[in-house]
Amino acid sequence: MKAATKSNQEPEPSKAELEAEFRADDKDLCNAATKIQASFRGHQARKATQPETVEKTQEELDKEDIEKIDLADPDLNKAATKIQASFRGHKVRKDVPN
């Protein structure tokens, strides 16, 4: 399967567009982002502290990290729902002609 080319992708939003879309005072969105950042930083820390004698592929490491995620965690579900809702709103507002 080939990766999408730049011409098929939507252009990256500008910083001003992102700031207008996602307000810094939205506590739910900030908490969702913090939860994801903490999970990713934990992933990076675990990856950095593994012994170098055991070489694992990135795919194996990712699979292990995914298996460790507690999908029943209500905070994780709330964070995912908030991010999905924000993105869907962004997409709808972007697609509606002015």
PDB file of N, CA and C in Angstrom:
ATOM      1  N   MET A   1       0.842  -1.168   0.000  1.00  0.00           N
ATOM      2  CA  MET A   1       0.000   0.000   0.000  1.00  0.00           C
ATOM      3  C   MET A   1       0.891   1.236   0.000  1.00  0.00           C
ATOM      4  N   LYS A   2       0.659   2.147  -0.893  1.00  0.00           N
ATOM      5  CA  LYS A   2       1.486   3.335  -1.016  1.00  0.00           C
ATOM      6  C   LYS A   2       0.974   4.430  -0.084  1.00  0.00           C
ATOM      7  N   ALA A   3       1.909   5.231   0.400  1.00  0.00           N
ATOM      8  CA  ALA A   3       1.538   6.360   1.252  1.00  0.00           C
ATOM      9  C   ALA A   3       0.887   7.444   0.395  1.00  0.00           C
ATOM     10  N   ALA A   4       0.009   8.216   1.006  1.00  0.00           N
ATOM     11  CA  ALA A   4      -0.675   9.291   0.279  1.00  0.00           C
ATOM     12  C   ALA A   4       0.327  10.368  -0.101  1.00  0.00           C
ATOM     13  N   THR A   5       0.160  10.901  -1.267  1.00  0.00           N
ATOM     14  CA  THR A   5       1.041  11.972  -1.712  1.00  0.00           C
ATOM     15  C   THR A   5       0.536  13.297  -1.178  1.00  0.00           C
ATOM     16  N   LYS A   6       1.384  14.291  -1.221  1.00  0.00           N
ATOM     17  CA  LYS A   6       1.011  15.604  -0.714  1.00  0.00           C
ATOM     18  C   LYS A   6      -0.193  16.190  -1.437  1.00  0.00           C
ATOM     19  N   SER A   7      -0.335  15.905  -2.726  1.00  0.00           N
ATOM     20  CA  SER A   7      -1.436  16.475  -3.480  1.00  0.00           C
ATOM     21  C   SER A   7      -2.782  15.909  -3.037  1.00  0.00           C
ATOM     22  N   ASN A   8      -2.802  14.699  -2.455  1.00  0.00           N
ATOM     23  CA  ASN A   8      -4.044  14.090  -1.998  1.00  0.00           C
ATOM     24  C   ASN A   8      -4.422  14.526  -0.581  1.00  0.00           C
ATOM     25  N   GLN A   9      -3.498  15.076   0.154  1.00  0.00           N
ATOM     26  CA  GLN A   9      -3.750  15.458   1.538  1.00  0.00           C
ATOM     27  C   GLN A   9      -4.294  16.874   1.609  1.00  0.00           C
ATOM     28  N   GLU A  10      -5.056  17.116   2.676  1.00  0.00           N
ATOM     29  CA  GLU A  10      -5.554  18.464   2.911  1.00  0.00           C
ATOM     30  C   GLU A  10      -4.397  19.328   3.390  1.00  0.00           C
ATOM     31  N   PRO A  11      -4.404  20.605   3.060  1.00  0.00           N
ATOM     32  CA  PRO A  11      -3.317  21.477   3.516  1.00  0.00           C
ATOM     33  C   PRO A  11      -3.340  21.624   5.031  1.00  0.00           C
ATOM     34  N   GLU A  12      -2.163  21.789   5.602  1.00  0.00           N
ATOM     35  CA  GLU A  12      -2.055  21.972   7.041  1.00  0.00           C
ATOM     36  C   GLU A  12      -2.683  23.304   7.435  1.00  0.00           C
ATOM     37  N   PRO A  13      -3.461  23.323   8.519  1.00  0.00           N
ATOM     38  CA  PRO A  13      -4.042  24.600   8.951  1.00  0.00           C
ATOM     39  C   PRO A  13      -2.956  25.513   9.510  1.00  0.00           C
ATOM     40  N   SER A  14      -3.165  26.798   9.389  1.00  0.00           N
ATOM     41  CA  SER A  14      -2.193  27.744   9.919  1.00  0.00           C
ATOM     42  C   SER A  14      -2.333  27.817  11.437  1.00  0.00           C
ATOM     43  N   LYS A  15      -1.344  28.408  12.076  1.00  0.00           N
ATOM     44  CA  LYS A  15      -1.378  28.559  13.531  1.00  0.00           C
ATOM     45  C   LYS A  15      -2.589  29.378  13.953  1.00  0.00           C
ATOM     46  N   ALA A  16      -2.903  30.419  13.212  1.00  0.00           N
ATOM     47  CA  ALA A  16      -4.057  31.265  13.537  1.00  0.00           C
ATOM     48  C   ALA A  16      -5.360  30.474  13.428  1.00  0.00           C
ATOM     49  N   GLU A  17      -5.460  29.623  12.407  1.00  0.00           N
ATOM     50  CA  GLU A  17      -6.661  28.803  12.250  1.00  0.00           C
ATOM     51  C   GLU A  17      -6.813  27.821  13.409  1.00  0.00           C
ATOM     52  N   LEU A  18      -5.710  27.211  13.820  1.00  0.00           N
ATOM     53  CA  LEU A  18      -5.759  26.281  14.945  1.00  0.00           C
ATOM     54  C   LEU A  18      -6.130  26.990  16.239  1.00  0.00           C
ATOM     55  N   GLU A  19      -5.538  28.158  16.466  1.00  0.00           N
ATOM     56  CA  GLU A  19      -5.843  28.908  17.679  1.00  0.00           C
ATOM     57  C   GLU A  19      -7.311  29.330  17.713  1.00  0.00           C
ATOM     58  N   ALA A  20      -7.869  29.666  16.570  1.00  0.00           N
ATOM     59  CA  ALA A  20      -9.273  30.048  16.507  1.00  0.00           C
ATOM     60  C   ALA A  20     -10.170  28.834  16.734  1.00  0.00           C
ATOM     61  N   GLU A  21      -9.738  27.672  16.274  1.00  0.00           N
ATOM     62  CA  GLU A  21     -10.543  26.456  16.359  1.00  0.00           C
ATOM     63  C   GLU A  21     -10.539  25.860  17.764  1.00  0.00           C
ATOM     64  N   PHE A  22      -9.374  25.775  18.380  1.00  0.00           N
ATOM     65  CA  PHE A  22      -9.223  25.129  19.678  1.00  0.00           C
ATOM     66  C   PHE A  22      -8.801  26.156  20.707  1.00  0.00           C
ATOM     67  N   ARG A  23      -9.743  26.540  21.537  1.00  0.00           N
ATOM     68  CA  ARG A  23      -9.487  27.589  22.528  1.00  0.00           C
ATOM     69  C   ARG A  23      -8.682  27.035  23.706  1.00  0.00           C
ATOM     70  N   ALA A  24      -7.744  27.817  24.187  1.00  0.00           N
ATOM     71  CA  ALA A  24      -6.886  27.394  25.297  1.00  0.00           C
ATOM     72  C   ALA A  24      -7.654  27.300  26.610  1.00  0.00           C
ATOM     73  N   ASP A  25      -8.801  27.959  26.702  1.00  0.00           N
ATOM     74  CA  ASP A  25      -9.567  27.917  27.957  1.00  0.00           C
ATOM     75  C   ASP A  25     -10.580  26.763  27.978  1.00  0.00           C
ATOM     76  N   ASP A  26     -10.543  25.878  26.989  1.00  0.00           N
ATOM     77  CA  ASP A  26     -11.409  24.698  26.969  1.00  0.00           C
ATOM     78  C   ASP A  26     -10.743  23.634  27.838  1.00  0.00           C
ATOM     79  N   LYS A  27     -11.200  23.519  29.093  1.00  0.00           N
ATOM     80  CA  LYS A  27     -10.542  22.634  30.054  1.00  0.00           C
ATOM     81  C   LYS A  27     -10.625  21.165  29.656  1.00  0.00           C
ATOM     82  N   ASP A  28     -11.761  20.750  29.095  1.00  0.00           N
ATOM     83  CA  ASP A  28     -11.886  19.345  28.690  1.00  0.00           C
ATOM     84  C   ASP A  28     -10.879  18.993  27.603  1.00  0.00           C
ATOM     85  N   LEU A  29     -10.717  19.879  26.639  1.00  0.00           N
ATOM     86  CA  LEU A  29      -9.774  19.628  25.551  1.00  0.00           C
ATOM     87  C   LEU A  29      -8.340  19.632  26.089  1.00  0.00           C
ATOM     88  N   CYS A  30      -8.040  20.553  26.990  1.00  0.00           N
ATOM     89  CA  CYS A  30      -6.692  20.598  27.581  1.00  0.00           C
ATOM     90  C   CYS A  30      -6.407  19.334  28.386  1.00  0.00           C
ATOM     91  N   ASN A  31      -7.398  18.861  29.144  1.00  0.00           N
ATOM     92  CA  ASN A  31      -7.210  17.626  29.903  1.00  0.00           C
ATOM     93  C   ASN A  31      -7.019  16.431  28.978  1.00  0.00           C
ATOM     94  N   ALA A  32      -7.757  16.403  27.878  1.00  0.00           N
ATOM     95  CA  ALA A  32      -7.607  15.311  26.908  1.00  0.00           C
ATOM     96  C   ALA A  32      -6.212  15.332  26.302  1.00  0.00           C
ATOM     97  N   ALA A  33      -5.753  16.509  25.928  1.00  0.00           N
ATOM     98  CA  ALA A  33      -4.417  16.625  25.344  1.00  0.00           C
ATOM     99  C   ALA A  33      -3.341  16.228  26.358  1.00  0.00           C
ATOM    100  N   THR A  34      -3.517  16.631  27.605  1.00  0.00           N
ATOM    101  CA  THR A  34      -2.555  16.287  28.658  1.00  0.00           C
ATOM    102  C   THR A  34      -2.478  14.786  28.851  1.00  0.00           C
ATOM    103  N   LYS A  35      -3.629  14.120  28.837  1.00  0.00           N
ATOM    104  CA  LYS A  35      -3.669  12.666  29.009  1.00  0.00           C
ATOM    105  C   LYS A  35      -2.901  11.969  27.878  1.00  0.00           C
ATOM    106  N   ILE A  36      -3.108  12.427  26.662  1.00  0.00           N
ATOM    107  CA  ILE A  36      -2.414  11.835  25.517  1.00  0.00           C
ATOM    108  C   ILE A  36      -0.919  12.121  25.584  1.00  0.00           C
ATOM    109  N   GLN A  37      -0.554  13.348  25.949  1.00  0.00           N
ATOM    110  CA  GLN A  37       0.866  13.692  26.066  1.00  0.00           C
ATOM    111  C   GLN A  37       1.546  12.849  27.134  1.00  0.00           C
ATOM    112  N   ALA A  38       0.876  12.652  28.259  1.00  0.00           N
ATOM    113  CA  ALA A  38       1.460  11.856  29.340  1.00  0.00           C
ATOM    114  C   ALA A  38       1.668  10.409  28.899  1.00  0.00           C
ATOM    115  N   SER A  39       0.683   9.872  28.181  1.00  0.00           N
ATOM    116  CA  SER A  39       0.811   8.496  27.688  1.00  0.00           C
ATOM    117  C   SER A  39       1.981   8.379  26.717  1.00  0.00           C
ATOM    118  N   PHE A  40       2.109   9.349  25.815  1.00  0.00           N
ATOM    119  CA  PHE A  40       3.189   9.304  24.830  1.00  0.00           C
ATOM    120  C   PHE A  40       4.548   9.478  25.501  1.00  0.00           C
ATOM    121  N   ARG A  41       4.642  10.381  26.463  1.00  0.00           N
ATOM    122  CA  ARG A  41       5.919  10.569  27.158  1.00  0.00           C
ATOM    123  C   ARG A  41       6.307   9.329  27.946  1.00  0.00           C
ATOM    124  N   GLY A  42       5.321   8.637  28.526  1.00  0.00           N
ATOM    125  CA  GLY A  42       5.599   7.371  29.202  1.00  0.00           C
ATOM    126  C   GLY A  42       6.125   6.344  28.221  1.00  0.00           C
ATOM    127  N   HIS A  43       5.517   6.306  27.046  1.00  0.00           N
ATOM    128  CA  HIS A  43       5.972   5.405  25.987  1.00  0.00           C
ATOM    129  C   HIS A  43       7.425   5.710  25.622  1.00  0.00           C
ATOM    130  N   GLN A  44       7.740   6.997  25.464  1.00  0.00           N
ATOM    131  CA  GLN A  44       9.112   7.376  25.117  1.00  0.00           C
ATOM    132  C   GLN A  44      10.088   6.993  26.224  1.00  0.00           C
ATOM    133  N   ALA A  45       9.696   7.201  27.484  1.00  0.00           N
ATOM    134  CA  ALA A  45      10.582   6.880  28.600  1.00  0.00           C
ATOM    135  C   ALA A  45      10.835   5.377  28.685  1.00  0.00           C
ATOM    136  N   ARG A  46       9.774   4.584  28.513  1.00  0.00           N
ATOM    137  CA  ARG A  46       9.958   3.127  28.550  1.00  0.00           C
ATOM    138  C   ARG A  46      10.856   2.669  27.410  1.00  0.00           C
ATOM    139  N   LYS A  47      10.676   3.279  26.257  1.00  0.00           N
ATOM    140  CA  LYS A  47      11.483   2.926  25.085  1.00  0.00           C
ATOM    141  C   LYS A  47      12.957   3.274  25.331  1.00  0.00           C
ATOM    142  N   ALA A  48      13.215   4.411  25.968  1.00  0.00           N
ATOM    143  CA  ALA A  48      14.591   4.863  26.201  1.00  0.00           C
ATOM    144  C   ALA A  48      15.306   4.030  27.258  1.00  0.00           C
ATOM    145  N   THR A  49      14.567   3.421  28.192  1.00  0.00           N
ATOM    146  CA  THR A  49      15.204   2.686  29.279  1.00  0.00           C
ATOM    147  C   THR A  49      15.348   1.194  29.003  1.00  0.00           C
ATOM    148  N   GLN A  50      14.905   0.727  27.845  1.00  0.00           N
ATOM    149  CA  GLN A  50      15.050  -0.694  27.527  1.00  0.00           C
ATOM    150  C   GLN A  50      16.517  -1.017  27.267  1.00  0.00           C
ATOM    151  N   PRO A  51      16.946  -2.197  27.695  1.00  0.00           N
ATOM    152  CA  PRO A  51      18.336  -2.580  27.422  1.00  0.00           C
ATOM    153  C   PRO A  51      18.582  -2.668  25.918  1.00  0.00           C
ATOM    154  N   GLU A  52      19.745  -2.190  25.517  1.00  0.00           N
ATOM    155  CA  GLU A  52      20.066  -2.164  24.095  1.00  0.00           C
ATOM    156  C   GLU A  52      20.427  -3.545  23.550  1.00  0.00           C
ATOM    157  N   THR A  53      20.672  -4.498  24.453  1.00  0.00           N
ATOM    158  CA  THR A  53      21.028  -5.835  23.982  1.00  0.00           C
ATOM    159  C   THR A  53      19.842  -6.537  23.339  1.00  0.00           C
ATOM    160  N   VAL A  54      18.646  -6.191  23.772  1.00  0.00           N
ATOM    161  CA  VAL A  54      17.442  -6.778  23.190  1.00  0.00           C
ATOM    162  C   VAL A  54      16.932  -5.819  22.132  1.00  0.00           C
ATOM    163  N   GLU A  55      17.079  -6.197  20.883  1.00  0.00           N
ATOM    164  CA  GLU A  55      16.635  -5.340  19.800  1.00  0.00           C
ATOM    165  C   GLU A  55      15.254  -5.766  19.355  1.00  0.00           C
ATOM    166  N   LYS A  56      14.334  -4.822  19.419  1.00  0.00           N
ATOM    167  CA  LYS A  56      12.978  -5.083  18.982  1.00  0.00           C
ATOM    168  C   LYS A  56      12.651  -4.095  17.877  1.00  0.00           C
ATOM    169  N   THR A  57      11.814  -4.521  16.990  1.00  0.00           N
ATOM    170  CA  THR A  57      11.400  -3.607  15.934  1.00  0.00           C
ATOM    171  C   THR A  57      10.425  -2.586  16.513  1.00  0.00           C
ATOM    172  N   GLN A  58      10.295  -1.474  15.825  1.00  0.00           N
ATOM    173  CA  GLN A  58       9.363  -0.432  16.258  1.00  0.00           C
ATOM    174  C   GLN A  58       7.941  -0.984  16.307  1.00  0.00           C
ATOM    175  N   GLU A  59       7.627  -1.858  15.373  1.00  0.00           N
ATOM    176  CA  GLU A  59       6.282  -2.450  15.332  1.00  0.00           C
ATOM    177  C   GLU A  59       6.010  -3.281  16.587  1.00  0.00           C
ATOM    178  N   GLU A  60       7.006  -4.049  17.042  1.00  0.00           N
ATOM    179  CA  GLU A  60       6.844  -4.852  18.254  1.00  0.00           C
ATOM    180  C   GLU A  60       6.677  -3.963  19.475  1.00  0.00           C
ATOM    181  N   LEU A  61       7.482  -2.894  19.552  1.00  0.00           N
ATOM    182  CA  LEU A  61       7.376  -1.966  20.676  1.00  0.00           C
ATOM    183  C   LEU A  61       6.013  -1.290  20.717  1.00  0.00           C
ATOM    184  N   ASP A  62       5.539  -0.862  19.554  1.00  0.00           N
ATOM    185  CA  ASP A  62       4.224  -0.223  19.478  1.00  0.00           C
ATOM    186  C   ASP A  62       3.127  -1.192  19.899  1.00  0.00           C
ATOM    187  N   LYS A  63       3.241  -2.440  19.461  1.00  0.00           N
ATOM    188  CA  LYS A  63       2.238  -3.443  19.803  1.00  0.00           C
ATOM    189  C   LYS A  63       2.197  -3.667  21.315  1.00  0.00           C
ATOM    190  N   GLU A  64       3.367  -3.728  21.957  1.00  0.00           N
ATOM    191  CA  GLU A  64       3.426  -3.902  23.408  1.00  0.00           C
ATOM    192  C   GLU A  64       2.776  -2.723  24.123  1.00  0.00           C
ATOM    193  N   ASP A  65       3.058  -1.514  23.673  1.00  0.00           N
ATOM    194  CA  ASP A  65       2.479  -0.328  24.298  1.00  0.00           C
ATOM    195  C   ASP A  65       0.965  -0.289  24.126  1.00  0.00           C
ATOM    196  N   ILE A  66       0.490  -0.682  22.976  1.00  0.00           N
ATOM    197  CA  ILE A  66      -0.954  -0.697  22.732  1.00  0.00           C
ATOM    198  C   ILE A  66      -1.632  -1.726  23.631  1.00  0.00           C
ATOM    199  N   GLU A  67      -0.987  -2.872  23.831  1.00  0.00           N
ATOM    200  CA  GLU A  67      -1.558  -3.910  24.689  1.00  0.00           C
ATOM    201  C   GLU A  67      -1.639  -3.467  26.141  1.00  0.00           C
ATOM    202  N   LYS A  68      -0.768  -2.546  26.560  1.00  0.00           N
ATOM    203  CA  LYS A  68      -0.742  -2.073  27.947  1.00  0.00           C
ATOM    204  C   LYS A  68      -1.800  -1.010  28.235  1.00  0.00           C
ATOM    205  N   ILE A  69      -2.423  -0.462  27.213  1.00  0.00           N
ATOM    206  CA  ILE A  69      -3.414   0.595  27.414  1.00  0.00           C
ATOM    207  C   ILE A  69      -4.673  -0.005  28.017  1.00  0.00           C
ATOM    208  N   ASP A  70      -5.162   0.613  29.085  1.00  0.00           N
ATOM    209  CA  ASP A  70      -6.394   0.178  29.742  1.00  0.00           C
ATOM    210  C   ASP A  70      -7.575   0.823  29.031  1.00  0.00           C
ATOM    211  N   LEU A  71      -8.198   0.081  28.132  1.00  0.00           N
ATOM    212  CA  LEU A  71      -9.301   0.619  27.344  1.00  0.00           C
ATOM    213  C   LEU A  71     -10.551   0.853  28.181  1.00  0.00           C
ATOM    214  N   ALA A  72     -10.588   0.299  29.389  1.00  0.00           N
ATOM    215  CA  ALA A  72     -11.737   0.503  30.265  1.00  0.00           C
ATOM    216  C   ALA A  72     -11.597   1.775  31.100  1.00  0.00           C
ATOM    217  N   ASP A  73     -10.466   2.464  30.998  1.00  0.00           N
ATOM    218  CA  ASP A  73     -10.231   3.682  31.769  1.00  0.00           C
ATOM    219  C   ASP A  73     -11.207   4.774  31.320  1.00  0.00           C
ATOM    220  N   PRO A  74     -12.092   5.236  32.215  1.00  0.00           N
ATOM    221  CA  PRO A  74     -13.075   6.247  31.818  1.00  0.00           C
ATOM    222  C   PRO A  74     -12.422   7.558  31.388  1.00  0.00           C
ATOM    223  N   ASP A  75     -11.292   7.918  31.965  1.00  0.00           N
ATOM    224  CA  ASP A  75     -10.607   9.146  31.562  1.00  0.00           C
ATOM    225  C   ASP A  75     -10.113   9.048  30.126  1.00  0.00           C
ATOM    226  N   LEU A  76      -9.638   7.878  29.739  1.00  0.00           N
ATOM    227  CA  LEU A  76      -9.167   7.670  28.365  1.00  0.00           C
ATOM    228  C   LEU A  76     -10.330   7.812  27.386  1.00  0.00           C
ATOM    229  N   ASN A  77     -11.472   7.237  27.734  1.00  0.00           N
ATOM    230  CA  ASN A  77     -12.647   7.342  26.868  1.00  0.00           C
ATOM    231  C   ASN A  77     -13.136   8.785  26.767  1.00  0.00           C
ATOM    232  N   LYS A  78     -13.129   9.510  27.884  1.00  0.00           N
ATOM    233  CA  LYS A  78     -13.544  10.913  27.853  1.00  0.00           C
ATOM    234  C   LYS A  78     -12.599  11.739  26.986  1.00  0.00           C
ATOM    235  N   ALA A  79     -11.302  11.479  27.126  1.00  0.00           N
ATOM    236  CA  ALA A  79     -10.313  12.216  26.340  1.00  0.00           C
ATOM    237  C   ALA A  79     -10.500  11.950  24.852  1.00  0.00           C
ATOM    238  N   ALA A  80     -10.681  10.701  24.497  1.00  0.00           N
ATOM    239  CA  ALA A  80     -10.865  10.349  23.085  1.00  0.00           C
ATOM    240  C   ALA A  80     -12.149  10.969  22.538  1.00  0.00           C
ATOM    241  N   THR A  81     -13.218  10.922  23.314  1.00  0.00           N
ATOM    242  CA  THR A  81     -14.494  11.485  22.874  1.00  0.00           C
ATOM    243  C   THR A  81     -14.380  12.980  22.661  1.00  0.00           C
ATOM    244  N   LYS A  82     -13.714  13.680  23.569  1.00  0.00           N
ATOM    245  CA  LYS A  82     -13.562  15.136  23.451  1.00  0.00           C
ATOM    246  C   LYS A  82     -12.758  15.490  22.205  1.00  0.00           C
ATOM    247  N   ILE A  83     -11.683  14.762  21.954  1.00  0.00           N
ATOM    248  CA  ILE A  83     -10.851  15.037  20.781  1.00  0.00           C
ATOM    249  C   ILE A  83     -11.629  14.739  19.507  1.00  0.00           C
ATOM    250  N   GLN A  84     -12.361  13.635  19.485  1.00  0.00           N
ATOM    251  CA  GLN A  84     -13.162  13.298  18.303  1.00  0.00           C
ATOM    252  C   GLN A  84     -14.218  14.364  18.035  1.00  0.00           C
ATOM    253  N   ALA A  85     -14.892  14.825  19.086  1.00  0.00           N
ATOM    254  CA  ALA A  85     -15.927  15.841  18.918  1.00  0.00           C
ATOM    255  C   ALA A  85     -15.326  17.144  18.412  1.00  0.00           C
ATOM    256  N   SER A  86     -14.180  17.517  18.943  1.00  0.00           N
ATOM    257  CA  SER A  86     -13.523  18.746  18.498  1.00  0.00           C
ATOM    258  C   SER A  86     -13.124  18.646  17.035  1.00  0.00           C
ATOM    259  N   PHE A  87     -12.588  17.500  16.646  1.00  0.00           N
ATOM    260  CA  PHE A  87     -12.167  17.337  15.260  1.00  0.00           C
ATOM    261  C   PHE A  87     -13.362  17.324  14.322  1.00  0.00           C
ATOM    262  N   ARG A  88     -14.424  16.636  14.726  1.00  0.00           N
ATOM    263  CA  ARG A  88     -15.620  16.597  13.864  1.00  0.00           C
ATOM    264  C   ARG A  88     -16.194  17.994  13.683  1.00  0.00           C
ATOM    265  N   GLY A  89     -16.224  18.784  14.756  1.00  0.00           N
ATOM    266  CA  GLY A  89     -16.696  20.162  14.644  1.00  0.00           C
ATOM    267  C   GLY A  89     -15.816  20.970  13.717  1.00  0.00           C
ATOM    268  N   HIS A  90     -14.509  20.793  13.849  1.00  0.00           N
ATOM    269  CA  HIS A  90     -13.554  21.484  12.985  1.00  0.00           C
ATOM    270  C   HIS A  90     -13.804  21.122  11.532  1.00  0.00           C
ATOM    271  N   LYS A  91     -13.983  19.831  11.269  1.00  0.00           N
ATOM    272  CA  LYS A  91     -14.172  19.372   9.901  1.00  0.00           C
ATOM    273  C   LYS A  91     -15.472  19.917   9.308  1.00  0.00           C
ATOM    274  N   VAL A  92     -16.552  19.921  10.087  1.00  0.00           N
ATOM    275  CA  VAL A  92     -17.837  20.428   9.604  1.00  0.00           C
ATOM    276  C   VAL A  92     -17.727  21.929   9.299  1.00  0.00           C
ATOM    277  N   ARG A  93     -17.103  22.664  10.203  1.00  0.00           N
ATOM    278  CA  ARG A  93     -16.965  24.118   9.973  1.00  0.00           C
ATOM    279  C   ARG A  93     -16.076  24.394   8.780  1.00  0.00           C
ATOM    280  N   LYS A  94     -15.080  23.558   8.536  1.00  0.00           N
ATOM    281  CA  LYS A  94     -14.187  23.740   7.404  1.00  0.00           C
ATOM    282  C   LYS A  94     -14.910  23.438   6.086  1.00  0.00           C
ATOM    283  N   ASP A  95     -15.776  22.440   6.081  1.00  0.00           N
ATOM    284  CA  ASP A  95     -16.457  22.012   4.864  1.00  0.00           C
ATOM    285  C   ASP A  95     -17.651  22.879   4.491  1.00  0.00           C
ATOM    286  N   VAL A  96     -18.190  23.636   5.446  1.00  0.00           N
ATOM    287  CA  VAL A  96     -19.356  24.479   5.167  1.00  0.00           C
ATOM    288  C   VAL A  96     -18.889  25.755   4.475  1.00  0.00           C
ATOM    289  N   PRO A  97     -19.441  26.059   3.288  1.00  0.00           N
ATOM    290  CA  PRO A  97     -19.026  27.308   2.600  1.00  0.00           C
ATOM    291  C   PRO A  97     -19.491  28.538   3.372  1.00  0.00           C
ATOM    292  N   ASN A  98     -18.684  29.570   3.326  1.00  0.00           N
ATOM    293  CA  ASN A  98     -19.000  30.800   4.075  1.00  0.00           C
ATOM    294  C   ASN A  98     -20.084  31.566   3.422  1.00  0.00           C
TER     295      ASN A  98
END
